[in-house]
C-alpha atoms as a PDB file:
ATOM      1  CA  UNK A   1       0.113   0.099   0.017  1.00  0.00           C
ATOM      2  CA  UNK A   2       1.368   3.519  -1.061  1.00  0.00           C
ATOM      3  CA  UNK A   3       1.889   5.978   1.931  1.00  0.00           C
ATOM      4  CA  UNK A   4       0.651   9.655   2.001  1.00  0.00           C
ATOM      5  CA  UNK A   5       1.533  12.249   4.656  1.00  0.00           C
ATOM      6  CA  UNK A   6      -1.169  14.795   5.690  1.00  0.00           C
ATOM      7  CA  UNK A   7      -0.299  18.060   7.349  1.00  0.00           C
ATOM      8  CA  UNK A   8      -2.468  18.812  10.684  1.00  0.00           C
ATOM      9  CA  UNK A   9      -2.747  22.658  10.967  1.00  0.00           C
ATOM     10  CA  UNK A  10      -5.150  24.042   8.285  1.00  0.00           C
ATOM     11  CA  UNK A  11      -5.464  20.783   6.875  1.00  0.00           C
ATOM     12  CA  UNK A  12      -7.658  18.807   9.349  1.00  0.00           C
ATOM     13  CA  UNK A  13      -7.264  21.244  12.347  1.00  0.00           C
ATOM     14  CA  UNK A  14      -8.432  25.038  12.136  1.00  0.00           C
ATOM     15  CA  UNK A  15      -5.636  26.885  13.773  1.00  0.00           C
ATOM     16  CA  UNK A  16      -6.526  30.083  11.905  1.00  0.00           C
ATOM     17  CA  UNK A  17     -10.043  29.942  13.351  1.00  0.00           C
ATOM     18  CA  UNK A  18      -8.793  29.658  16.760  1.00  0.00           C
ATOM     19  CA  UNK A  19      -6.531  32.578  16.529  1.00  0.00           C
ATOM     20  CA  UNK A  20      -9.310  34.588  14.821  1.00  0.00           C
ATOM     21  CA  UNK A  21     -11.754  33.551  17.871  1.00  0.00           C
ATOM     22  CA  UNK A  22      -9.172  34.497  20.394  1.00  0.00           C
ATOM     23  CA  UNK A  23      -8.220  37.804  18.630  1.00  0.00           C
ATOM     24  CA  UNK A  24     -12.004  38.956  18.368  1.00  0.00           C
ATOM     25  CA  UNK A  25     -12.274  38.102  22.184  1.00  0.00           C
ATOM     26  CA  UNK A  26      -9.468  40.021  23.326  1.00  0.00           C
ATOM     27  CA  UNK A  27      -9.620  43.137  20.909  1.00  0.00           C
ATOM     28  CA  UNK A  28     -13.351  43.155  20.051  1.00  0.00           C
ATOM     29  CA  UNK A  29     -12.466  43.942  16.644  1.00  0.00           C
ATOM     30  CA  UNK A  30     -14.099  41.559  13.819  1.00  0.00           C
ATOM     31  CA  UNK A  31     -11.242  39.951  12.129  1.00  0.00           C
ATOM     32  CA  UNK A  32     -12.027  37.269   9.056  1.00  0.00           C
ATOM     33  CA  UNK A  33      -9.056  36.128   7.468  1.00  0.00           C
ATOM     34  CA  UNK A  34      -8.066  33.765   4.631  1.00  0.00           C
ATOM     35  CA  UNK A  35      -4.518  33.137   4.626  1.00  0.00           C
ATOM     36  CA  UNK A  36      -2.903  32.024   1.311  1.00  0.00           C
ATOM     37  CA  UNK A  37       0.661  31.062   0.821  1.00  0.00           C
ATOM     38  CA  UNK A  38       3.039  33.879   1.971  1.00  0.00           C
ATOM     39  CA  UNK A  39       0.283  35.853   3.382  1.00  0.00           C
ATOM     40  CA  UNK A  40       0.750  35.575   7.252  1.00  0.00           C
ATOM     41  CA  UNK A  41      -1.637  36.496  10.060  1.00  0.00           C
ATOM     42  CA  UNK A  42       0.471  39.437  11.073  1.00  0.00           C
ATOM     43  CA  UNK A  43      -0.197  40.971   7.694  1.00  0.00           C
ATOM     44  CA  UNK A  44      -3.844  41.757   8.720  1.00  0.00           C
ATOM     45  CA  UNK A  45      -3.685  43.015  12.370  1.00  0.00           C
ATOM     46  CA  UNK A  46      -2.559  46.216  13.505  1.00  0.00           C
ATOM     47  CA  UNK A  47       1.371  46.475  13.928  1.00  0.00           C
ATOM     48  CA  UNK A  48       1.124  47.118  17.886  1.00  0.00           C
ATOM     49  CA  UNK A  49      -0.402  43.747  18.194  1.00  0.00           C
ATOM     50  CA  UNK A  50       0.920  41.751  15.366  1.00  0.00           C
ATOM     51  CA  UNK A  51       2.946  39.414  17.584  1.00  0.00           C
ATOM     52  CA  UNK A  52      -0.096  38.470  19.744  1.00  0.00           C
ATOM     53  CA  UNK A  53      -0.560  35.297  17.773  1.00  0.00           C
ATOM     54  CA  UNK A  54       2.873  34.045  19.309  1.00  0.00           C
ATOM     55  CA  UNK A  55       1.337  34.468  22.756  1.00  0.00           C
ATOM     56  CA  UNK A  56      -1.721  32.550  21.741  1.00  0.00           C
ATOM     57  CA  UNK A  57       0.123  29.733  20.239  1.00  0.00           C
ATOM     58  CA  UNK A  58       2.248  29.399  23.283  1.00  0.00           C
ATOM     59  CA  UNK A  59      -0.673  29.193  25.559  1.00  0.00           C
ATOM     60  CA  UNK A  60      -1.532  25.786  27.139  1.00  0.00           C
ATOM     61  CA  UNK A  61      -4.559  24.452  25.147  1.00  0.00           C
ATOM     62  CA  UNK A  62      -4.417  26.406  22.170  1.00  0.00           C
ATOM     63  CA  UNK A  63      -4.040  23.464  20.041  1.00  0.00           C
ATOM     64  CA  UNK A  64      -6.175  21.277  22.181  1.00  0.00           C
ATOM     65  CA  UNK A  65      -9.701  22.707  21.056  1.00  0.00           C
ATOM     66  CA  UNK A  66      -9.324  23.781  17.695  1.00  0.00           C
ATOM     67  CA  UNK A  67     -12.143  22.973  15.303  1.00  0.00           C
ATOM     68  CA  UNK A  68     -11.856  20.222  12.768  1.00  0.00           C
ATOM     69  CA  UNK A  69     -11.848  21.157   9.125  1.00  0.00           C
ATOM     70  CA  UNK A  70     -15.196  20.188   7.517  1.00  0.00           C
ATOM     71  CA  UNK A  71     -15.173  16.837   5.859  1.00  0.00           C
ATOM     72  CA  UNK A  72     -11.444  16.031   6.869  1.00  0.00           C
ATOM     73  CA  UNK A  73     -12.499  12.913   8.965  1.00  0.00           C
ATOM     74  CA  UNK A  74     -14.704  11.531   5.978  1.00  0.00           C
ATOM     75  CA  UNK A  75     -11.939  12.216   3.602  1.00  0.00           C
ATOM     76  CA  UNK A  76      -9.047  10.747   5.623  1.00  0.00           C
ATOM     77  CA  UNK A  77     -11.287   7.655   6.356  1.00  0.00           C
ATOM     78  CA  UNK A  78     -11.819   7.154   2.625  1.00  0.00           C
ATOM     79  CA  UNK A  79      -8.055   7.677   1.828  1.00  0.00           C
ATOM     80  CA  UNK A  80      -7.272   5.063   4.322  1.00  0.00           C
ATOM     81  CA  UNK A  81      -9.098   2.542   2.073  1.00  0.00           C
ATOM     82  CA  UNK A  82      -6.507   2.973  -0.641  1.00  0.00           C
ATOM     83  CA  UNK A  83      -3.330   4.545   1.217  1.00  0.00           C
ATOM     84  CA  UNK A  84      -1.335   3.948   4.221  1.00  0.00           C
ATOM     85  CA  UNK A  85      -2.031   7.600   6.050  1.00  0.00           C
ATOM     86  CA  UNK A  86       0.261   9.292   8.224  1.00  0.00           C
ATOM     87  CA  UNK A  87      -0.341  12.571   9.823  1.00  0.00           C
ATOM     88  CA  UNK A  88       2.702  14.695   9.989  1.00  0.00           C
ATOM     89  CA  UNK A  89       2.776  17.903  12.230  1.00  0.00           C
ATOM     90  CA  UNK A  90       5.315  20.417  13.515  1.00  0.00           C
ATOM     91  CA  UNK A  91       4.751  20.191  17.238  1.00  0.00           C
ATOM     92  CA  UNK A  92       8.303  21.003  18.902  1.00  0.00           C
ATOM     93  CA  UNK A  93       8.291  24.718  18.307  1.00  0.00           C
ATOM     94  CA  UNK A  94       5.802  25.340  20.861  1.00  0.00           C
ATOM     95  CA  UNK A  95       6.272  23.594  24.216  1.00  0.00           C
ATOM     96  CA  UNK A  96       2.590  22.747  24.828  1.00  0.00           C
ATOM     97  CA  UNK A  97       1.515  21.837  21.089  1.00  0.00           C
ATOM     98  CA  UNK A  98       2.783  18.182  21.524  1.00  0.00           C
ATOM     99  CA  UNK A  99       0.463  17.065  24.053  1.00  0.00           C
ATOM    100  CA  UNK A 100      -2.279  19.257  22.773  1.00  0.00           C
ATOM    101  CA  UNK A 101      -2.021  17.912  19.345  1.00  0.00           C
ATOM    102  CA  UNK A 102      -1.745  14.366  20.454  1.00  0.00           C
ATOM    103  CA  UNK A 103      -4.951  14.721  22.652  1.00  0.00           C
ATOM    104  CA  UNK A 104      -6.713  16.432  19.757  1.00  0.00           C
ATOM    105  CA  UNK A 105      -5.877  13.658  17.328  1.00  0.00           C
ATOM    106  CA  UNK A 106      -7.096  10.930  19.801  1.00  0.00           C
ATOM    107  CA  UNK A 107     -10.433  12.671  20.272  1.00  0.00           C
ATOM    108  CA  UNK A 108     -11.245  13.622  16.750  1.00  0.00           C
ATOM    109  CA  UNK A 109      -9.306  11.034  14.697  1.00  0.00           C
ATOM    110  CA  UNK A 110      -9.292   7.936  16.723  1.00  0.00           C
ATOM    111  CA  UNK A 111      -9.145   5.722  13.633  1.00  0.00           C
ATOM    112  CA  UNK A 112      -5.604   6.983  12.817  1.00  0.00           C
ATOM    113  CA  UNK A 113      -3.286   4.579  15.102  1.00  0.00           C
ATOM    114  CA  UNK A 114      -0.630   6.437  17.104  1.00  0.00           C
ATOM    115  CA  UNK A 115       1.902   4.871  14.948  1.00  0.00           C
ATOM    116  CA  UNK A 116       0.899   6.836  11.941  1.00  0.00           C
ATOM    117  CA  UNK A 117       0.999  10.257  13.855  1.00  0.00           C
ATOM    118  CA  UNK A 118       4.401  12.004  13.318  1.00  0.00           C
ATOM    119  CA  UNK A 119       5.291  15.139  15.594  1.00  0.00           C
ATOM    120  CA  UNK A 120       8.463  16.740  14.440  1.00  0.00           C
ATOM    121  CA  UNK A 121      10.445  19.968  14.226  1.00  0.00           C
ATOM    122  CA  UNK A 122      10.657  20.320  10.528  1.00  0.00           C
ATOM    123  CA  UNK A 123       8.415  18.211   8.291  1.00  0.00           C
ATOM    124  CA  UNK A 124      11.017  16.635   6.120  1.00  0.00           C
ATOM    125  CA  UNK A 125       9.254  13.764   4.470  1.00  0.00           C
ATOM    126  CA  UNK A 126      10.733  12.042   1.473  1.00  0.00           C
ATOM    127  CA  UNK A 127       8.921  10.224  -1.028  1.00  0.00           C
ATOM    128  CA  UNK A 128      10.327   6.651  -1.592  1.00  0.00           C
ATOM    129  CA  UNK A 129       9.558   4.255  -4.172  1.00  0.00           C
END
C-alpha cells in the first residue's frame, strides 16, 4: 500500500479559526481571514498587536480545542481504504503543542493509529519508491 502524509494545521485542524476567535475576544474587533501562501496572520492585524498570535500559540490548550476542518474526517477515512495514511505535524516549536495535538488527534481522529502520527520539528518527509 502506498503511503501519504497529511499535515495537521489548516488541513484537518483549524488553527487560523482559533486565532481569529481569540483575537476577536481580546480586541473586540471583527477579524475574518483567509490566509494564502506567503500571506501571514500578522499582515492583517495592527502592527502594535501583530505578535499576539505568538502568545496565543504558546498558551496551554491552544492546539487542544481547535475545530476540525469540515469533511477532513470523512476524507481521511476514505483515503485509508487505498493508502497508508500518516499525519505529520510540527509540534516541537511550541512547548505545549505536542500534548495538545496528540490529545486532539485521539479525540477527533481515533481511527488513525498512534504509530501513524508523526510529530516533529521540521516536516522533512521524503517520497520513496
